[in-house]
Amino acid sequence: MCKECGCGLGGGGRQTGNHTHAHHHHDHDQARNHAGHDHPSGPWSLTLNQSLMEKNDRLAARNRELFRAKGLLVLNVVSSPGSGKTTFIRETAVRLAKSLRVGVIVGDLATDNDAARLRTAGIPVVQITTGTVCHLDADMVFQAAARLTLDSLDVLVIENVGNLVCPADYDLGEQLRVVLLSTTEGEDKPLKYPPLFHSAHVAIVTKSDLAAAAGFDRELALTNLKRVSHHATRFELSAKTGQGMDTWLAFLTEQRARTNPAPAAR
């Protein structure tokens, strides 16, 4: 659970702790008869009757309606740091340029390096710097989307903060959640972070060109993905060499056509 943003506390969970509030001590008959409140000696618990995620869910629904009205296909791309998100998004946008117009919202803790790399490809990009917050939420995306000309886009890609824990809880209003698993980070990531991989609609094995050098066990990785992301559409590709990109782009084009059957105005 993230100590900065508190994500992971939603869904009517509990907080536990010790009775530590400051007060003066004085004589009284019974410790339990002090100004009408109890003095439990051990840990206490507080039941949260309202989901802390409720606000985000409402805002995500608002985003979804906005994106639907604009005829946008919206992807939320999640992964661990260093899995190749930015290169993957950049190559997707460049290779789709002749048929679909792509815009990007980038989330990062501190720098705009990824946004700068994407802009070199002529892609409209809005940067969100989250500071200590380790995920994007629906309101951040709404504010960033307002800085893009959505009517001139067909596909909006949200590059989430590199994190395999907290983004799992936050609906951003996307149609497709896309999780990346690179060949350089190990085959057991789906087993270590099941909520995120289970929540994804699409699971992509990236950096396939480095599989042999990294000693990547492809069969084991696919088995693990099938166990956790059994419902997800799976791809294997290298954004750097282009291997497998055509299959991914064909899928994306089909998804966009389902979102908005009308031809894109160019």
Foldseek 3Di string as FASTA:
>chain_A
DAPPPPFVCFDFHKDKDADDDDDDDDDDDDQCPDPNHGDDHGMDMDTDPHTPCVVLVVLLQVVLVVCLVLLAAEEEEEAAPPQCVLLLVLLLQLVCVVAFAEAEEEEEQDDCVSVVVSCVSVHHYHYDHDHSDQWDTQVSVVVRVVVDPSNQGLYYYYYIHRDLERHLSHRNNHPFYEYEAELQPALCVCVVRLSSLLSGQEYEYEPPVCNVVNVGDVVSSVVSSCVRNVNHHYFYYYSVVGGRVVVVSVVVVVVSCVSPVDGRDD
